[in-house]
C-alpha atoms as a PDB file:
ATOM      1  CA  MET A   1      95.559 112.028  85.377  1.00  0.00           C
ATOM      2  CA  VAL A   2      93.210 110.644  87.975  1.00  0.00           C
ATOM      3  CA  GLU A   3      89.821 112.270  87.934  1.00  0.00           C
ATOM      4  CA  ARG A   4      88.761 113.465  91.368  1.00  0.00           C
ATOM      5  CA  THR A   5      85.710 111.196  91.154  1.00  0.00           C
ATOM      6  CA  LYS A   6      87.890 108.098  90.741  1.00  0.00           C
ATOM      7  CA  GLN A   7      89.287 106.091  93.604  1.00  0.00           C
ATOM      8  CA  VAL A   8      92.419 104.073  92.907  1.00  0.00           C
ATOM      9  CA  GLU A   9      93.573 101.048  94.856  1.00  0.00           C
ATOM     10  CA  ILE A  10      96.897  99.406  94.111  1.00  0.00           C
ATOM     11  CA  PHE A  11      97.907  95.984  95.362  1.00  0.00           C
ATOM     12  CA  LEU A  12     101.663  95.698  94.875  1.00  0.00           C
ATOM     13  CA  PHE A  13     103.272  92.245  94.933  1.00  0.00           C
ATOM     14  CA  VAL A  14     106.993  92.361  95.705  1.00  0.00           C
ATOM     15  CA  ASN A  15     110.000  90.251  96.506  1.00  0.00           C
ATOM     16  CA  PRO A  16     111.573  92.372  99.252  1.00  0.00           C
ATOM     17  CA  ILE A  17     115.150  91.462  98.251  1.00  0.00           C
ATOM     18  CA  CYS A  18     114.635  92.272  94.552  1.00  0.00           C
ATOM     19  CA  LYS A  19     115.966  95.492  93.005  1.00  0.00           C
ATOM     20  CA  ALA A  20     113.180  95.522  90.398  1.00  0.00           C
ATOM     21  CA  SER A  21     110.604  95.355  93.210  1.00  0.00           C
ATOM     22  CA  LEU A  22     112.292  98.284  94.966  1.00  0.00           C
ATOM     23  CA  LYS A  23     112.239 100.348  91.765  1.00  0.00           C
ATOM     24  CA  MET A  24     108.581  99.548  91.171  1.00  0.00           C
ATOM     25  CA  GLU A  25     107.725 100.437  94.776  1.00  0.00           C
ATOM     26  CA  ASP A  26     109.350 103.841  94.168  1.00  0.00           C
ATOM     27  CA  GLU A  27     107.304 104.350  90.995  1.00  0.00           C
ATOM     28  CA  VAL A  28     104.030 103.311  92.615  1.00  0.00           C
ATOM     29  CA  LEU A  29     104.734 105.575  95.595  1.00  0.00           C
ATOM     30  CA  LYS A  30     105.369 108.504  93.201  1.00  0.00           C
ATOM     31  CA  PHE A  31     101.927 107.876  91.761  1.00  0.00           C
ATOM     32  CA  VAL A  32     100.354 107.523  95.221  1.00  0.00           C
ATOM     33  CA  ASP A  33     102.019 110.721  96.464  1.00  0.00           C
ATOM     34  CA  ALA A  34     100.556 112.663  93.554  1.00  0.00           C
ATOM     35  CA  TYR A  35      97.014 111.409  94.252  1.00  0.00           C
ATOM     36  CA  GLU A  36      97.126 110.610  97.950  1.00  0.00           C
ATOM     37  CA  GLU A  37      93.507 111.581  98.636  1.00  0.00           C
ATOM     38  CA  ASN A  38      92.182 109.239  95.970  1.00  0.00           C
ATOM     39  CA  THR A  39      94.697 106.418  96.193  1.00  0.00           C
ATOM     40  CA  GLN A  40      95.383 103.520  98.522  1.00  0.00           C
ATOM     41  CA  ILE A  41      98.267 101.090  98.319  1.00  0.00           C
ATOM     42  CA  THR A  42      98.715  97.686  99.878  1.00  0.00           C
ATOM     43  CA  ILE A  43     102.061  95.931  99.565  1.00  0.00           C
ATOM     44  CA  TYR A  44     102.183  92.157  99.675  1.00  0.00           C
ATOM     45  CA  PRO A  45     105.501  90.353 100.011  1.00  0.00           C
ATOM     46  CA  TYR A  46     105.045  87.448  97.604  1.00  0.00           C
ATOM     47  CA  LEU A  47     107.403  84.496  97.838  1.00  0.00           C
ATOM     48  CA  ASN A  48     107.118  81.058  96.349  1.00  0.00           C
ATOM     49  CA  LYS A  49     109.285  78.639  94.365  1.00  0.00           C
ATOM     50  CA  GLN A  50     108.361  80.236  91.046  1.00  0.00           C
ATOM     51  CA  THR A  51     109.055  83.838  92.087  1.00  0.00           C
ATOM     52  CA  LEU A  52     112.362  82.921  93.740  1.00  0.00           C
ATOM     53  CA  TYR A  53     113.490  80.827  90.763  1.00  0.00           C
ATOM     54  CA  ARG A  54     112.738  83.684  88.342  1.00  0.00           C
ATOM     55  CA  TYR A  55     114.577  86.111  90.629  1.00  0.00           C
ATOM     56  CA  MET A  56     117.622  83.824  90.657  1.00  0.00           C
ATOM     57  CA  LYS A  57     117.610  83.420  86.863  1.00  0.00           C
ATOM     58  CA  GLU A  58     117.113  87.140  86.176  1.00  0.00           C
ATOM     59  CA  ASN A  59     120.026  87.995  88.479  1.00  0.00           C
ATOM     60  CA  ASP A  60     122.332  85.203  87.276  1.00  0.00           C
ATOM     61  CA  PHE A  61     122.516  83.440  90.643  1.00  0.00           C
ATOM     62  CA  PRO A  62     123.703  79.842  90.526  1.00  0.00           C
ATOM     63  CA  THR A  63     120.842  77.463  91.192  1.00  0.00           C
ATOM     64  CA  GLU A  64     122.723  75.692  93.976  1.00  0.00           C
ATOM     65  CA  ILE A  65     120.726  74.682  97.036  1.00  0.00           C
ATOM     66  CA  ALA A  66     122.894  76.777  99.400  1.00  0.00           C
ATOM     67  CA  VAL A  67     122.233  79.929  97.326  1.00  0.00           C
ATOM     68  CA  TRP A  68     118.533  79.061  97.076  1.00  0.00           C
ATOM     69  CA  ASN A  69     118.275  78.617 100.852  1.00  0.00           C
ATOM     70  CA  LYS A  70     120.110  81.871 101.585  1.00  0.00           C
ATOM     71  CA  LEU A  71     117.906  83.902  99.214  1.00  0.00           C
ATOM     72  CA  TYR A  72     114.712  82.223 100.380  1.00  0.00           C
ATOM     73  CA  ASN A  73     115.577  82.835 104.033  1.00  0.00           C
ATOM     74  CA  GLU A  74     116.444  86.493 103.392  1.00  0.00           C
ATOM     75  CA  SER A  75     113.226  87.094 101.474  1.00  0.00           C
ATOM     76  CA  PHE A  76     111.129  85.171 104.005  1.00  0.00           C
ATOM     77  CA  HIS A  77     112.570  86.910 107.083  1.00  0.00           C
ATOM     78  CA  LEU A  78     112.418  90.321 105.441  1.00  0.00           C
ATOM     79  CA  SER A  79     108.769  89.620 104.572  1.00  0.00           C
ATOM     80  CA  LEU A  80     108.048  88.770 108.203  1.00  0.00           C
ATOM     81  CA  ALA A  81     109.831  91.937 109.351  1.00  0.00           C
ATOM     82  CA  PHE A  82     107.820  94.041 106.897  1.00  0.00           C
ATOM     83  CA  ILE A  83     104.559  92.513 108.108  1.00  0.00           C
ATOM     84  CA  ALA A  84     105.595  93.104 111.738  1.00  0.00           C
ATOM     85  CA  ALA A  85     106.364  96.741 110.891  1.00  0.00           C
ATOM     86  CA  THR A  86     103.063  97.139 109.050  1.00  0.00           C
ATOM     87  CA  ILE A  87     101.159  96.149 112.182  1.00  0.00           C
ATOM     88  CA  GLN A  88     102.213  99.588 113.464  1.00  0.00           C
ATOM     89  CA  GLY A  89     100.705 101.241 110.366  1.00  0.00           C
ATOM     90  CA  LYS A  90     100.910 100.872 106.603  1.00  0.00           C
ATOM     91  CA  LYS A  91     102.996 104.015 106.212  1.00  0.00           C
ATOM     92  CA  LYS A  92     105.491 102.926 108.862  1.00  0.00           C
ATOM     93  CA  GLY A  93     105.623  99.519 107.218  1.00  0.00           C
ATOM     94  CA  ARG A  94     106.462 101.105 103.855  1.00  0.00           C
ATOM     95  CA  GLU A  95     109.097 103.333 105.482  1.00  0.00           C
ATOM     96  CA  PHE A  96     110.667 100.297 107.130  1.00  0.00           C
ATOM     97  CA  LEU A  97     110.628  98.287 103.901  1.00  0.00           C
ATOM     98  CA  LEU A  98     112.187 101.074 101.853  1.00  0.00           C
ATOM     99  CA  ALA A  99     114.825 101.717 104.531  1.00  0.00           C
ATOM    100  CA  ILE A 100     115.945  98.117 104.757  1.00  0.00           C
ATOM    101  CA  GLN A 101     115.799  97.594 100.993  1.00  0.00           C
ATOM    102  CA  GLN A 102     118.052 100.616 100.486  1.00  0.00           C
ATOM    103  CA  LYS A 103     120.545  99.077 102.883  1.00  0.00           C
ATOM    104  CA  MET A 104     120.367  95.558 101.446  1.00  0.00           C
ATOM    105  CA  ILE A 105     119.925  96.220  97.748  1.00  0.00           C
ATOM    106  CA  ILE A 106     121.681  99.541  97.155  1.00  0.00           C
ATOM    107  CA  GLN A 107     124.318  99.456  99.909  1.00  0.00           C
ATOM    108  CA  LYS A 108     124.744  95.657  99.585  1.00  0.00           C
ATOM    109  CA  LYS A 109     124.452  94.960 103.328  1.00  0.00           C
ATOM    110  CA  GLY A 110     123.436  91.472 104.398  1.00  0.00           C
ATOM    111  CA  LEU A 111     120.286  90.904 106.394  1.00  0.00           C
ATOM    112  CA  SER A 112     121.043  90.884 110.108  1.00  0.00           C
ATOM    113  CA  LYS A 113     119.331  91.630 113.397  1.00  0.00           C
ATOM    114  CA  ASP A 114     121.284  94.906 113.612  1.00  0.00           C
ATOM    115  CA  LEU A 115     120.079  95.908 110.140  1.00  0.00           C
ATOM    116  CA  LEU A 116     116.477  95.099 111.075  1.00  0.00           C
ATOM    117  CA  ILE A 117     116.753  97.190 114.241  1.00  0.00           C
ATOM    118  CA  GLU A 118     118.469 100.086 112.459  1.00  0.00           C
ATOM    119  CA  SER A 119     115.748 100.143 109.786  1.00  0.00           C
ATOM    120  CA  ALA A 120     112.975  99.830 112.393  1.00  0.00           C
ATOM    121  CA  GLU A 121     114.450 102.807 114.275  1.00  0.00           C
ATOM    122  CA  GLN A 122     114.640 104.769 111.026  1.00  0.00           C
ATOM    123  CA  ALA A 123     110.910 104.111 110.488  1.00  0.00           C
ATOM    124  CA  ASN A 124     110.176 105.183 114.088  1.00  0.00           C
ATOM    125  CA  LEU A 125     108.747 101.812 115.050  1.00  0.00           C
ATOM    126  CA  ASP A 126     108.157 100.854 118.642  1.00  0.00           C
ATOM    127  CA  MET A 127     111.089  98.457 118.983  1.00  0.00           C
ATOM    128  CA  GLU A 128     109.664  96.175 121.669  1.00  0.00           C
ATOM    129  CA  THR A 129     106.454  95.712 119.702  1.00  0.00           C
ATOM    130  CA  PHE A 130     108.320  95.205 116.417  1.00  0.00           C
ATOM    131  CA  LEU A 131     110.613  92.514 117.823  1.00  0.00           C
ATOM    132  CA  PHE A 132     107.720  90.766 119.579  1.00  0.00           C
ATOM    133  CA  ASP A 133     105.586  90.803 116.428  1.00  0.00           C
ATOM    134  CA  PHE A 134     108.490  89.717 114.202  1.00  0.00           C
ATOM    135  CA  HIS A 135     108.800  86.476 116.180  1.00  0.00           C
ATOM    136  CA  SER A 136     105.076  85.895 116.724  1.00  0.00           C
ATOM    137  CA  PRO A 137     103.041  83.093 115.150  1.00  0.00           C
ATOM    138  CA  PHE A 138     100.497  85.765 114.194  1.00  0.00           C
ATOM    139  CA  VAL A 139     102.961  87.385 111.765  1.00  0.00           C
ATOM    140  CA  GLN A 140     103.693  83.953 110.265  1.00  0.00           C
ATOM    141  CA  TYR A 141      99.933  83.518 109.850  1.00  0.00           C
ATOM    142  CA  LEU A 142      99.685  86.925 108.150  1.00  0.00           C
ATOM    143  CA  PHE A 143     102.560  85.977 105.823  1.00  0.00           C
ATOM    144  CA  ASP A 144     100.729  82.780 104.823  1.00  0.00           C
ATOM    145  CA  LEU A 145      97.552  84.803 104.338  1.00  0.00           C
ATOM    146  CA  ASP A 146      99.427  87.306 102.129  1.00  0.00           C
ATOM    147  CA  GLN A 147     100.617  84.427  99.937  1.00  0.00           C
ATOM    148  CA  ASP A 148      97.050  83.152  99.560  1.00  0.00           C
ATOM    149  CA  VAL A 149      95.654  86.627  98.839  1.00  0.00           C
ATOM    150  CA  SER A 150      98.381  87.380  96.285  1.00  0.00           C
ATOM    151  CA  SER A 151      97.737  84.126  94.490  1.00  0.00           C
ATOM    152  CA  SER A 152      93.951  84.607  94.550  1.00  0.00           C
ATOM    153  CA  MET A 153      94.378  88.078  93.019  1.00  0.00           C
ATOM    154  CA  GLY A 154      96.192  86.458  90.092  1.00  0.00           C
ATOM    155  CA  ALA A 155      99.788  87.410  90.879  1.00  0.00           C
ATOM    156  CA  THR A 156     102.320  84.944  89.518  1.00  0.00           C
ATOM    157  CA  ASP A 157     105.494  87.019  89.610  1.00  0.00           C
ATOM    158  CA  THR A 158     107.190  89.950  91.290  1.00  0.00           C
ATOM    159  CA  PRO A 159     107.144  92.819  90.885  1.00  0.00           C
ATOM    160  CA  SER A 160     103.562  93.087  89.732  1.00  0.00           C
ATOM    161  CA  CYS A 161     100.434  94.920  90.759  1.00  0.00           C
ATOM    162  CA  LEU A 162      96.688  94.854  90.606  1.00  0.00           C
ATOM    163  CA  LEU A 163      95.270  98.279  89.800  1.00  0.00           C
ATOM    164  CA  ILE A 164      91.628  98.855  90.690  1.00  0.00           C
ATOM    165  CA  THR A 165      89.839 102.059  89.737  1.00  0.00           C
ATOM    166  CA  THR A 166      86.327 102.975  90.758  1.00  0.00           C
ATOM    167  CA  GLY A 167      84.188 105.856  89.639  1.00  0.00           C
ATOM    168  CA  ASP A 168      81.514 105.597  87.003  1.00  0.00           C
ATOM    169  CA  GLU A 169      82.652 102.015  86.489  1.00  0.00           C
ATOM    170  CA  LYS A 170      84.957  99.658  88.359  1.00  0.00           C
ATOM    171  CA  LYS A 171      87.983  98.370  86.496  1.00  0.00           C
ATOM    172  CA  ALA A 172      90.687  95.931  87.623  1.00  0.00           C
ATOM    173  CA  THR A 173      93.954  95.494  85.728  1.00  0.00           C
ATOM    174  CA  LEU A 174      96.635  92.962  86.666  1.00  0.00           C
ATOM    175  CA  ILE A 175     100.058  94.187  85.537  1.00  0.00           C
ATOM    176  CA  GLU A 176     102.762  91.535  85.676  1.00  0.00           C
ATOM    177  CA  ARG A 177     105.678  93.615  84.532  1.00  0.00           C
ATOM    178  CA  PHE A 178     107.596  96.607  85.765  1.00  0.00           C
ATOM    179  CA  VAL A 179     105.335  99.666  85.812  1.00  0.00           C
ATOM    180  CA  THR A 180     106.206 103.345  86.148  1.00  0.00           C
ATOM    181  CA  ALA A 181     104.180 106.151  87.666  1.00  0.00           C
ATOM    182  CA  GLU A 182     103.512 107.366  84.116  1.00  0.00           C
ATOM    183  CA  ASP A 183     102.175 103.924  83.143  1.00  0.00           C
ATOM    184  CA  LEU A 184      99.771 104.089  86.073  1.00  0.00           C
ATOM    185  CA  TYR A 185      98.622 107.609  85.098  1.00  0.00           C
ATOM    186  CA  GLN A 186      97.759 106.286  81.643  1.00  0.00           C
ATOM    187  CA  LEU A 187      95.933 103.233  82.957  1.00  0.00           C
ATOM    188  CA  VAL A 188      93.578 105.242  85.163  1.00  0.00           C
END
């Protein structure tokens, strides 16, 4: 259990179209909900050739260029949408991400403008602002920045997380595997 004197910060690196990332988000959020006062979470969509290739191999996708392009575009556009939603608040961003992932990953719906709007409405986003931000160069800049930050924090795969605890001493642990709420309890 987290001592009340400890602060916990979690940087979660996800592929927004990946079922394993969705499951890990759920686990990390269980942990955060239990220790909300002492815990902060930041989610980074992390997409590069290596993470997409591993995702394709783990899910038995053919490595054809058309499949690669489709998956890359879905992950990229969903990342931009998540960042645009997060501009309206981290919690709203998480609600948007979870809503659209449920639709895409669990309900097997393809990414579309209607799905983005439906998920944005579900997260109570200001629609005009969301759509403006989604198409803005600023969100593209933030996406590029997220890639740089994720890489500089040591992330090489998704899902993974960097767990930082502070209290009597500061400790940082990079976890590049699936982690449960129970795993996080034990690490802090």
